[in-house]
PDB file of N, CA and C in Angstrom:
ATOM      1  N   MET A   1     121.309  97.762 122.868  1.00  0.00           N
ATOM      2  CA  MET A   1     121.250  96.847 121.741  1.00  0.00           C
ATOM      3  C   MET A   1     119.924  96.083 121.722  1.00  0.00           C
ATOM      4  N   LYS A   2     119.305  95.927 122.866  1.00  0.00           N
ATOM      5  CA  LYS A   2     118.046  95.213 122.926  1.00  0.00           C
ATOM      6  C   LYS A   2     116.982  95.938 122.091  1.00  0.00           C
ATOM      7  N   ASN A   3     116.962  97.265 122.146  1.00  0.00           N
ATOM      8  CA  ASN A   3     116.000  98.037 121.362  1.00  0.00           C
ATOM      9  C   ASN A   3     116.247  97.891 119.863  1.00  0.00           C
ATOM     10  N   LEU A   4     117.514  97.835 119.463  1.00  0.00           N
ATOM     11  CA  LEU A   4     117.839  97.672 118.055  1.00  0.00           C
ATOM     12  C   LEU A   4     117.335  96.330 117.540  1.00  0.00           C
ATOM     13  N   GLY A   5     117.524  95.291 118.317  1.00  0.00           N
ATOM     14  CA  GLY A   5     117.039  93.966 117.941  1.00  0.00           C
ATOM     15  C   GLY A   5     115.523  93.944 117.827  1.00  0.00           C
ATOM     16  N   GLN A   6     114.867  94.629 118.756  1.00  0.00           N
ATOM     17  CA  GLN A   6     113.410  94.694 118.734  1.00  0.00           C
ATOM     18  C   GLN A   6     112.934  95.490 117.511  1.00  0.00           C
ATOM     19  N   MET A   7     113.633  96.571 117.188  1.00  0.00           N
ATOM     20  CA  MET A   7     113.283  97.372 116.019  1.00  0.00           C
ATOM     21  C   MET A   7     113.441  96.562 114.733  1.00  0.00           C
ATOM     22  N   MET A   8     114.513  95.772 114.663  1.00  0.00           N
ATOM     23  CA  MET A   8     114.743  94.937 113.482  1.00  0.00           C
ATOM     24  C   MET A   8     113.630  93.890 113.341  1.00  0.00           C
ATOM     25  N   LYS A   9     113.222  93.329 114.455  1.00  0.00           N
ATOM     26  CA  LYS A   9     112.153  92.339 114.436  1.00  0.00           C
ATOM     27  C   LYS A   9     110.847  92.984 113.957  1.00  0.00           C
ATOM     28  N   GLN A  10     110.563  94.187 114.450  1.00  0.00           N
ATOM     29  CA  GLN A  10     109.357  94.902 114.023  1.00  0.00           C
ATOM     30  C   GLN A  10     109.426  95.250 112.540  1.00  0.00           C
ATOM     31  N   ALA A  11     110.604  95.630 112.059  1.00  0.00           N
ATOM     32  CA  ALA A  11     110.771  95.948 110.635  1.00  0.00           C
ATOM     33  C   ALA A  11     110.521  94.704 109.785  1.00  0.00           C
ATOM     34  N   GLN A  12     110.985  93.547 110.228  1.00  0.00           N
ATOM     35  CA  GLN A  12     110.754  92.306 109.495  1.00  0.00           C
ATOM     36  C   GLN A  12     109.268  91.951 109.485  1.00  0.00           C
ATOM     37  N   GLN A  13     108.601  92.173 110.619  1.00  0.00           N
ATOM     38  CA  GLN A  13     107.166  91.905 110.683  1.00  0.00           C
ATOM     39  C   GLN A  13     106.414  92.837 109.738  1.00  0.00           C
ATOM     40  N   MET A  14     106.820  94.108 109.707  1.00  0.00           N
ATOM     41  CA  MET A  14     106.189  95.080 108.821  1.00  0.00           C
ATOM     42  C   MET A  14     106.404  94.674 107.368  1.00  0.00           C
ATOM     43  N   GLN A  15     107.594  94.207 107.045  1.00  0.00           N
ATOM     44  CA  GLN A  15     107.895  93.786 105.681  1.00  0.00           C
ATOM     45  C   GLN A  15     107.030  92.591 105.284  1.00  0.00           C
ATOM     46  N   ALA A  16     106.833  91.655 106.196  1.00  0.00           N
ATOM     47  CA  ALA A  16     105.987  90.495 105.916  1.00  0.00           C
ATOM     48  C   ALA A  16     104.536  90.936 105.712  1.00  0.00           C
ATOM     49  N   LYS A  17     104.087  91.880 106.527  1.00  0.00           N
ATOM     50  CA  LYS A  17     102.721  92.392 106.381  1.00  0.00           C
ATOM     51  C   LYS A  17     102.564  93.144 105.062  1.00  0.00           C
ATOM     52  N   MET A  18     103.606  93.848 104.646  1.00  0.00           N
ATOM     53  CA  MET A  18     103.561  94.572 103.378  1.00  0.00           C
ATOM     54  C   MET A  18     103.431  93.598 102.210  1.00  0.00           C
ATOM     55  N   ALA A  19     104.183  92.517 102.253  1.00  0.00           N
ATOM     56  CA  ALA A  19     104.113  91.514 101.187  1.00  0.00           C
ATOM     57  C   ALA A  19     102.708  90.914 101.132  1.00  0.00           C
ATOM     58  N   GLU A  20     102.138  90.650 102.299  1.00  0.00           N
ATOM     59  CA  GLU A  20     100.784  90.111 102.381  1.00  0.00           C
ATOM     60  C   GLU A  20      99.770  91.118 101.821  1.00  0.00           C
ATOM     61  N   LEU A  21      99.953  92.396 102.161  1.00  0.00           N
ATOM     62  CA  LEU A  21      99.060  93.442 101.669  1.00  0.00           C
ATOM     63  C   LEU A  21      99.156  93.570 100.153  1.00  0.00           C
ATOM     64  N   GLN A  22     100.356  93.498  99.610  1.00  0.00           N
ATOM     65  CA  GLN A  22     100.522  93.594  98.164  1.00  0.00           C
ATOM     66  C   GLN A  22      99.804  92.448  97.448  1.00  0.00           C
ATOM     67  N   ASP A  23      99.875  91.252  98.013  1.00  0.00           N
ATOM     68  CA  ASP A  23      99.158  90.110  97.431  1.00  0.00           C
ATOM     69  C   ASP A  23      97.648  90.340  97.485  1.00  0.00           C
ATOM     70  N   LYS A  24      97.197  90.847  98.627  1.00  0.00           N
ATOM     71  CA  LYS A  24      95.770  91.120  98.811  1.00  0.00           C
ATOM     72  C   LYS A  24      95.304  92.193  97.824  1.00  0.00           C
ATOM     73  N   LEU A  25      96.108  93.238  97.649  1.00  0.00           N
ATOM     74  CA  LEU A  25      95.745  94.312  96.730  1.00  0.00           C
ATOM     75  C   LEU A  25      95.693  93.817  95.286  1.00  0.00           C
ATOM     76  N   ALA A  26      96.588  92.919  94.929  1.00  0.00           N
ATOM     77  CA  ALA A  26      96.605  92.386  93.573  1.00  0.00           C
ATOM     78  C   ALA A  26      95.317  91.630  93.264  1.00  0.00           C
ATOM     79  N   GLU A  27      94.685  91.070  94.295  1.00  0.00           N
ATOM     80  CA  GLU A  27      93.452  90.315  94.115  1.00  0.00           C
ATOM     81  C   GLU A  27      92.212  91.204  94.134  1.00  0.00           C
ATOM     82  N   SER A  28      92.303  92.390  94.745  1.00  0.00           N
ATOM     83  CA  SER A  28      91.141  93.267  94.825  1.00  0.00           C
ATOM     84  C   SER A  28      90.936  93.982  93.499  1.00  0.00           C
ATOM     85  N   GLU A  29      89.699  94.345  93.214  1.00  0.00           N
ATOM     86  CA  GLU A  29      89.391  95.043  91.973  1.00  0.00           C
ATOM     87  C   GLU A  29      88.487  96.231  92.258  1.00  0.00           C
ATOM     88  N   MET A  30      88.742  97.330  91.545  1.00  0.00           N
ATOM     89  CA  MET A  30      87.947  98.545  91.640  1.00  0.00           C
ATOM     90  C   MET A  30      87.464  98.882  90.236  1.00  0.00           C
ATOM     91  N   THR A  31      86.224  99.346  90.139  1.00  0.00           N
ATOM     92  CA  THR A  31      85.676  99.705  88.839  1.00  0.00           C
ATOM     93  C   THR A  31      85.362 101.190  88.816  1.00  0.00           C
ATOM     94  N   GLY A  32      85.861 101.846  87.784  1.00  0.00           N
ATOM     95  CA  GLY A  32      85.560 103.252  87.544  1.00  0.00           C
ATOM     96  C   GLY A  32      84.571 103.346  86.407  1.00  0.00           C
ATOM     97  N   ALA A  33      83.774 104.412  86.408  1.00  0.00           N
ATOM     98  CA  ALA A  33      82.754 104.558  85.372  1.00  0.00           C
ATOM     99  C   ALA A  33      82.714 105.989  84.862  1.00  0.00           C
ATOM    100  N   ALA A  34      82.216 106.132  83.639  1.00  0.00           N
ATOM    101  CA  ALA A  34      82.018 107.445  83.031  1.00  0.00           C
ATOM    102  C   ALA A  34      80.801 107.359  82.122  1.00  0.00           C
ATOM    103  N   GLY A  35      80.272 108.518  81.792  1.00  0.00           N
ATOM    104  CA  GLY A  35      79.103 108.547  80.908  1.00  0.00           C
ATOM    105  C   GLY A  35      77.908 107.873  81.521  1.00  0.00           C
ATOM    106  N   GLY A  36      77.707 108.073  82.820  1.00  0.00           N
ATOM    107  CA  GLY A  36      76.567 107.453  83.493  1.00  0.00           C
ATOM    108  C   GLY A  36      76.638 105.943  83.520  1.00  0.00           C
ATOM    109  N   GLY A  37      77.869 105.407  83.519  1.00  0.00           N
ATOM    110  CA  GLY A  37      78.057 103.956  83.563  1.00  0.00           C
ATOM    111  C   GLY A  37      78.115 103.313  82.187  1.00  0.00           C
ATOM    112  N   MET A  38      78.085 104.122  81.146  1.00  0.00           N
ATOM    113  CA  MET A  38      78.132 103.566  79.791  1.00  0.00           C
ATOM    114  C   MET A  38      79.510 103.001  79.459  1.00  0.00           C
ATOM    115  N   VAL A  39      80.530 103.497  80.156  1.00  0.00           N
ATOM    116  CA  VAL A  39      81.879 102.964  80.018  1.00  0.00           C
ATOM    117  C   VAL A  39      82.377 102.635  81.415  1.00  0.00           C
ATOM    118  N   GLN A  40      82.856 101.408  81.594  1.00  0.00           N
ATOM    119  CA  GLN A  40      83.384 100.970  82.886  1.00  0.00           C
ATOM    120  C   GLN A  40      84.765 100.360  82.686  1.00  0.00           C
ATOM    121  N   VAL A  41      85.671 100.704  83.598  1.00  0.00           N
ATOM    122  CA  VAL A  41      87.032 100.176  83.554  1.00  0.00           C
ATOM    123  C   VAL A  41      87.321  99.562  84.922  1.00  0.00           C
ATOM    124  N   THR A  42      87.824  98.339  84.920  1.00  0.00           N
ATOM    125  CA  THR A  42      88.155  97.647  86.164  1.00  0.00           C
ATOM    126  C   THR A  42      89.664  97.460  86.243  1.00  0.00           C
ATOM    127  N   MET A  43      90.223  97.830  87.419  1.00  0.00           N
ATOM    128  CA  MET A  43      91.655  97.676  87.683  1.00  0.00           C
ATOM    129  C   MET A  43      91.820  96.904  88.978  1.00  0.00           C
ATOM    130  N   ASN A  44      92.966  96.212  89.081  1.00  0.00           N
ATOM    131  CA  ASN A  44      93.262  95.570  90.361  1.00  0.00           C
ATOM    132  C   ASN A  44      93.961  96.584  91.262  1.00  0.00           C
ATOM    133  N   GLY A  45      94.260  96.175  92.483  1.00  0.00           N
ATOM    134  CA  GLY A  45      94.875  97.066  93.464  1.00  0.00           C
ATOM    135  C   GLY A  45      96.275  97.506  93.119  1.00  0.00           C
ATOM    136  N   LYS A  46      96.867  96.892  92.103  1.00  0.00           N
ATOM    137  CA  LYS A  46      98.187  97.314  91.642  1.00  0.00           C
ATOM    138  C   LYS A  46      98.077  98.294  90.482  1.00  0.00           C
ATOM    139  N   GLY A  47      96.842  98.611  90.085  1.00  0.00           N
ATOM    140  CA  GLY A  47      96.635  99.539  88.988  1.00  0.00           C
ATOM    141  C   GLY A  47      96.698  98.903  87.616  1.00  0.00           C
ATOM    142  N   GLU A  48      96.657  97.580  87.574  1.00  0.00           N
ATOM    143  CA  GLU A  48      96.671  96.874  86.290  1.00  0.00           C
ATOM    144  C   GLU A  48      95.247  96.784  85.750  1.00  0.00           C
ATOM    145  N   LEU A  49      95.087  97.114  84.486  1.00  0.00           N
ATOM    146  CA  LEU A  49      93.779  97.084  83.841  1.00  0.00           C
ATOM    147  C   LEU A  49      93.309  95.639  83.712  1.00  0.00           C
ATOM    148  N   ARG A  50      92.086  95.375  84.148  1.00  0.00           N
ATOM    149  CA  ARG A  50      91.537  94.020  84.107  1.00  0.00           C
ATOM    150  C   ARG A  50      90.391  93.868  83.111  1.00  0.00           C
ATOM    151  N   ALA A  51      89.569  94.920  82.957  1.00  0.00           N
ATOM    152  CA  ALA A  51      88.421  94.802  82.057  1.00  0.00           C
ATOM    153  C   ALA A  51      87.939  96.179  81.625  1.00  0.00           C
ATOM    154  N   VAL A  52      87.348  96.209  80.438  1.00  0.00           N
ATOM    155  CA  VAL A  52      86.704  97.412  79.922  1.00  0.00           C
ATOM    156  C   VAL A  52      85.337  96.985  79.391  1.00  0.00           C
ATOM    157  N   LYS A  53      84.287  97.691  79.823  1.00  0.00           N
ATOM    158  CA  LYS A  53      82.935  97.422  79.316  1.00  0.00           C
ATOM    159  C   LYS A  53      82.423  98.700  78.669  1.00  0.00           C
ATOM    160  N   ILE A  54      81.894  98.562  77.460  1.00  0.00           N
ATOM    161  CA  ILE A  54      81.398  99.706  76.711  1.00  0.00           C
ATOM    162  C   ILE A  54      79.971  99.407  76.259  1.00  0.00           C
ATOM    163  N   ASP A  55      79.072 100.329  76.547  1.00  0.00           N
ATOM    164  CA  ASP A  55      77.692 100.193  76.106  1.00  0.00           C
ATOM    165  C   ASP A  55      77.674 100.169  74.572  1.00  0.00           C
ATOM    166  N   PRO A  56      77.008  99.203  73.979  1.00  0.00           N
ATOM    167  CA  PRO A  56      76.986  99.080  72.515  1.00  0.00           C
ATOM    168  C   PRO A  56      76.495 100.338  71.792  1.00  0.00           C
ATOM    169  N   SER A  57      75.683 101.141  72.435  1.00  0.00           N
ATOM    170  CA  SER A  57      75.169 102.345  71.767  1.00  0.00           C
ATOM    171  C   SER A  57      76.277 103.354  71.465  1.00  0.00           C
ATOM    172  N   LEU A  58      77.434 103.206  72.110  1.00  0.00           N
ATOM    173  CA  LEU A  58      78.557 104.115  71.875  1.00  0.00           C
ATOM    174  C   LEU A  58      79.460 103.649  70.735  1.00  0.00           C
ATOM    175  N   LEU A  59      79.178 102.488  70.175  1.00  0.00           N
ATOM    176  CA  LEU A  59      80.050 101.906  69.160  1.00  0.00           C
ATOM    177  C   LEU A  59      79.662 102.333  67.742  1.00  0.00           C
ATOM    178  N   THR A  60      79.653 103.615  67.538  1.00  0.00           N
ATOM    179  CA  THR A  60      79.390 104.147  66.200  1.00  0.00           C
ATOM    180  C   THR A  60      80.561 105.051  65.824  1.00  0.00           C
ATOM    181  N   PRO A  61      80.910 105.092  64.554  1.00  0.00           N
ATOM    182  CA  PRO A  61      82.030 105.939  64.124  1.00  0.00           C
ATOM    183  C   PRO A  61      81.859 107.402  64.532  1.00  0.00           C
ATOM    184  N   ALA A  62      80.644 107.874  64.553  1.00  0.00           N
ATOM    185  CA  ALA A  62      80.405 109.280  64.913  1.00  0.00           C
ATOM    186  C   ALA A  62      80.732 109.550  66.377  1.00  0.00           C
ATOM    187  N   ASP A  63      80.657 108.522  67.218  1.00  0.00           N
ATOM    188  CA  ASP A  63      80.907 108.691  68.648  1.00  0.00           C
ATOM    189  C   ASP A  63      82.309 108.266  69.070  1.00  0.00           C
ATOM    190  N   ALA A  64      83.196 108.043  68.129  1.00  0.00           N
ATOM    191  CA  ALA A  64      84.532 107.540  68.460  1.00  0.00           C
ATOM    192  C   ALA A  64      85.270 108.465  69.425  1.00  0.00           C
ATOM    193  N   GLU A  65      85.256 109.752  69.179  1.00  0.00           N
ATOM    194  CA  GLU A  65      85.970 110.692  70.046  1.00  0.00           C
ATOM    195  C   GLU A  65      85.351 110.740  71.443  1.00  0.00           C
ATOM    196  N   VAL A  66      84.036 110.697  71.503  1.00  0.00           N
ATOM    197  CA  VAL A  66      83.344 110.677  72.799  1.00  0.00           C
ATOM    198  C   VAL A  66      83.723 109.404  73.555  1.00  0.00           C
ATOM    199  N   LEU A  67      83.720 108.286  72.853  1.00  0.00           N
ATOM    200  CA  LEU A  67      84.067 107.006  73.469  1.00  0.00           C
ATOM    201  C   LEU A  67      85.489 107.034  74.014  1.00  0.00           C
ATOM    202  N   GLU A  68      86.412 107.572  73.245  1.00  0.00           N
ATOM    203  CA  GLU A  68      87.803 107.677  73.707  1.00  0.00           C
ATOM    204  C   GLU A  68      87.891 108.487  74.986  1.00  0.00           C
ATOM    205  N   ASP A  69      87.187 109.611  75.034  1.00  0.00           N
ATOM    206  CA  ASP A  69      87.191 110.464  76.233  1.00  0.00           C
ATOM    207  C   ASP A  69      86.582 109.742  77.433  1.00  0.00           C
ATOM    208  N   LEU A  70      85.515 108.985  77.195  1.00  0.00           N
ATOM    209  CA  LEU A  70      84.856 108.253  78.280  1.00  0.00           C
ATOM    210  C   LEU A  70      85.745 107.140  78.824  1.00  0.00           C
ATOM    211  N   VAL A  71      86.484 106.470  77.951  1.00  0.00           N
ATOM    212  CA  VAL A  71      87.401 105.415  78.409  1.00  0.00           C
ATOM    213  C   VAL A  71      88.482 106.029  79.299  1.00  0.00           C
ATOM    214  N   VAL A  72      89.032 107.151  78.887  1.00  0.00           N
ATOM    215  CA  VAL A  72      90.049 107.827  79.695  1.00  0.00           C
ATOM    216  C   VAL A  72      89.460 108.243  81.041  1.00  0.00           C
ATOM    217  N   ALA A  73      88.272 108.826  81.030  1.00  0.00           N
ATOM    218  CA  ALA A  73      87.631 109.263  82.274  1.00  0.00           C
ATOM    219  C   ALA A  73      87.356 108.082  83.202  1.00  0.00           C
ATOM    220  N   ALA A  74      86.871 106.980  82.649  1.00  0.00           N
ATOM    221  CA  ALA A  74      86.590 105.787  83.459  1.00  0.00           C
ATOM    222  C   ALA A  74      87.875 105.209  84.036  1.00  0.00           C
ATOM    223  N   ALA A  75      88.951 105.194  83.236  1.00  0.00           N
ATOM    224  CA  ALA A  75      90.236 104.682  83.723  1.00  0.00           C
ATOM    225  C   ALA A  75      90.761 105.564  84.851  1.00  0.00           C
ATOM    226  N   ASN A  76      90.633 106.869  84.714  1.00  0.00           N
ATOM    227  CA  ASN A  76      91.077 107.775  85.778  1.00  0.00           C
ATOM    228  C   ASN A  76      90.241 107.601  87.037  1.00  0.00           C
ATOM    229  N   ASP A  77      88.944 107.357  86.875  1.00  0.00           N
ATOM    230  CA  ASP A  77      88.069 107.117  88.021  1.00  0.00           C
ATOM    231  C   ASP A  77      88.481 105.832  88.737  1.00  0.00           C
ATOM    232  N   ALA A  78      88.750 104.779  87.968  1.00  0.00           N
ATOM    233  CA  ALA A  78      89.189 103.510  88.565  1.00  0.00           C
ATOM    234  C   ALA A  78      90.523 103.694  89.284  1.00  0.00           C
ATOM    235  N   LYS A  79      91.445 104.424  88.660  1.00  0.00           N
ATOM    236  CA  LYS A  79      92.758 104.652  89.267  1.00  0.00           C
ATOM    237  C   LYS A  79      92.622 105.404  90.589  1.00  0.00           C
ATOM    238  N   ALA A  80      91.752 106.406  90.628  1.00  0.00           N
ATOM    239  CA  ALA A  80      91.534 107.157  91.868  1.00  0.00           C
ATOM    240  C   ALA A  80      90.979 106.248  92.962  1.00  0.00           C
ATOM    241  N   LYS A  81      90.087 105.346  92.592  1.00  0.00           N
ATOM    242  CA  LYS A  81      89.520 104.409  93.567  1.00  0.00           C
ATOM    243  C   LYS A  81      90.589 103.448  94.075  1.00  0.00           C
ATOM    244  N   VAL A  82      91.448 102.977  93.174  1.00  0.00           N
ATOM    245  CA  VAL A  82      92.542 102.082  93.570  1.00  0.00           C
ATOM    246  C   VAL A  82      93.470 102.805  94.543  1.00  0.00           C
ATOM    247  N   GLU A  83      93.862 104.025  94.211  1.00  0.00           N
ATOM    248  CA  GLU A  83      94.776 104.785  95.066  1.00  0.00           C
ATOM    249  C   GLU A  83      94.167 105.038  96.440  1.00  0.00           C
ATOM    250  N   SER A  84      92.873 105.332  96.476  1.00  0.00           N
ATOM    251  CA  SER A  84      92.191 105.549  97.756  1.00  0.00           C
ATOM    252  C   SER A  84      92.166 104.259  98.576  1.00  0.00           C
ATOM    253  N   HIS A  85      91.875 103.148  97.915  1.00  0.00           N
ATOM    254  CA  HIS A  85      91.830 101.844  98.598  1.00  0.00           C
ATOM    255  C   HIS A  85      93.216 101.476  99.145  1.00  0.00           C
ATOM    256  N   VAL A  86      94.243 101.685  98.337  1.00  0.00           N
ATOM    257  CA  VAL A  86      95.607 101.393  98.770  1.00  0.00           C
ATOM    258  C   VAL A  86      95.978 102.268  99.967  1.00  0.00           C
ATOM    259  N   ALA A  87      95.628 103.544  99.926  1.00  0.00           N
ATOM    260  CA  ALA A  87      95.930 104.447 101.038  1.00  0.00           C
ATOM    261  C   ALA A  87      95.232 103.997 102.318  1.00  0.00           C
ATOM    262  N   GLU A  88      93.984 103.566 102.202  1.00  0.00           N
ATOM    263  CA  GLU A  88      93.246 103.069 103.375  1.00  0.00           C
ATOM    264  C   GLU A  88      93.920 101.828 103.955  1.00  0.00           C
ATOM    265  N   GLU A  89      94.295 100.898 103.083  1.00  0.00           N
ATOM    266  CA  GLU A  89      94.933  99.663 103.548  1.00  0.00           C
ATOM    267  C   GLU A  89      96.301  99.961 104.179  1.00  0.00           C
ATOM    268  N   MET A  90      97.040 100.888 103.602  1.00  0.00           N
ATOM    269  CA  MET A  90      98.343 101.263 104.161  1.00  0.00           C
ATOM    270  C   MET A  90      98.163 101.903 105.531  1.00  0.00           C
ATOM    271  N   GLN A  91      97.132 102.723 105.673  1.00  0.00           N
ATOM    272  CA  GLN A  91      96.864 103.379 106.957  1.00  0.00           C
ATOM    273  C   GLN A  91      96.574 102.323 108.024  1.00  0.00           C
ATOM    274  N   LYS A  92      95.811 101.302 107.642  1.00  0.00           N
ATOM    275  CA  LYS A  92      95.525 100.216 108.581  1.00  0.00           C
ATOM    276  C   LYS A  92      96.818  99.500 108.973  1.00  0.00           C
ATOM    277  N   LEU A  93      97.664  99.244 107.981  1.00  0.00           N
ATOM    278  CA  LEU A  93      98.897  98.495 108.212  1.00  0.00           C
ATOM    279  C   LEU A  93      99.871  99.270 109.086  1.00  0.00           C
ATOM    280  N   THR A  94      99.997 100.563 108.828  1.00  0.00           N
ATOM    281  CA  THR A  94     100.981 101.363 109.558  1.00  0.00           C
ATOM    282  C   THR A  94     100.413 101.949 110.841  1.00  0.00           C
ATOM    283  N   GLY A  95      99.151 101.655 111.127  1.00  0.00           N
ATOM    284  CA  GLY A  95      98.551 102.160 112.356  1.00  0.00           C
ATOM    285  C   GLY A  95      98.434 103.672 112.364  1.00  0.00           C
ATOM    286  N   GLY A  96      98.234 104.263 111.206  1.00  0.00           N
ATOM    287  CA  GLY A  96      98.091 105.709 111.126  1.00  0.00           C
ATOM    288  C   GLY A  96      99.405 106.450 111.082  1.00  0.00           C
ATOM    289  N   LEU A  97     100.523 105.722 111.029  1.00  0.00           N
ATOM    290  CA  LEU A  97     101.837 106.350 110.960  1.00  0.00           C
ATOM    291  C   LEU A  97     101.930 107.132 109.657  1.00  0.00           C
ATOM    292  N   ALA A  98     102.172 108.409 109.770  1.00  0.00           N
ATOM    293  CA  ALA A  98     102.260 109.257 108.591  1.00  0.00           C
ATOM    294  C   ALA A  98     103.667 109.163 108.016  1.00  0.00           C
ATOM    295  N   LEU A  99     103.789 108.707 106.794  1.00  0.00           N
ATOM    296  CA  LEU A  99     105.080 108.622 106.134  1.00  0.00           C
ATOM    297  C   LEU A  99     105.344 109.925 105.398  1.00  0.00           C
ATOM    298  N   PRO A 100     106.589 110.314 105.294  1.00  0.00           N
ATOM    299  CA  PRO A 100     106.914 111.538 104.551  1.00  0.00           C
ATOM    300  C   PRO A 100     106.426 111.433 103.109  1.00  0.00           C
ATOM    301  N   PRO A 101     106.039 112.563 102.496  1.00  0.00           N
ATOM    302  CA  PRO A 101     105.569 112.531 101.114  1.00  0.00           C
ATOM    303  C   PRO A 101     106.611 111.884 100.194  1.00  0.00           C
ATOM    304  N   GLY A 102     106.141 111.041  99.294  1.00  0.00           N
ATOM    305  CA  GLY A 102     107.020 110.379  98.347  1.00  0.00           C
ATOM    306  C   GLY A 102     107.652 109.097  98.871  1.00  0.00           C
ATOM    307  N   MET A 103     107.560 108.854 100.158  1.00  0.00           N
ATOM    308  CA  MET A 103     108.149 107.635 100.724  1.00  0.00           C
ATOM    309  C   MET A 103     107.126 106.512 100.606  1.00  0.00           C
ATOM    310  N   LYS A 104     107.550 105.416 100.031  1.00  0.00           N
ATOM    311  CA  LYS A 104     106.655 104.292  99.819  1.00  0.00           C
ATOM    312  C   LYS A 104     107.205 103.060 100.512  1.00  0.00           C
ATOM    313  N   LEU A 105     106.303 102.226 100.957  1.00  0.00           N
ATOM    314  CA  LEU A 105     106.678 100.960 101.544  1.00  0.00           C
ATOM    315  C   LEU A 105     106.396  99.878 100.527  1.00  0.00           C
ATOM    316  N   PRO A 106     107.101  98.788 100.478  1.00  0.00           N
ATOM    317  CA  PRO A 106     108.319  98.552 101.238  1.00  0.00           C
ATOM    318  C   PRO A 106     109.461  99.390 100.681  1.00  0.00           C
ATOM    319  N   PHE A 107     110.436  99.592 101.535  1.00  0.00           N
ATOM    320  CA  PHE A 107     111.539 100.508 101.221  1.00  0.00           C
ATOM    321  C   PHE A 107     112.296 100.088 100.007  1.00  0.00           C
TER     322      PHE A 107
END
């Protein structure tokens, strides 16, 4: 029973660290870019969109479709950066413990 109590204590510590990490991630921001930086999208660590910057030269009716594609590309770039950052932080938190695919913390 001593091991079970110790495991429960470790699980509670992990849960507290996860809550702290989630707060930290919410404050971090990643910026994705497309079109050589002409379109930039900034997201926080939770994947929430925070800002969009568009070079004024793209704001013409003739370039509307190009602009739409660049916004999507920049958002996907930002999302990939967020996911990579989250994975790195999770690896630090779990000490390299590999979780089964699809399993997310906190439970």
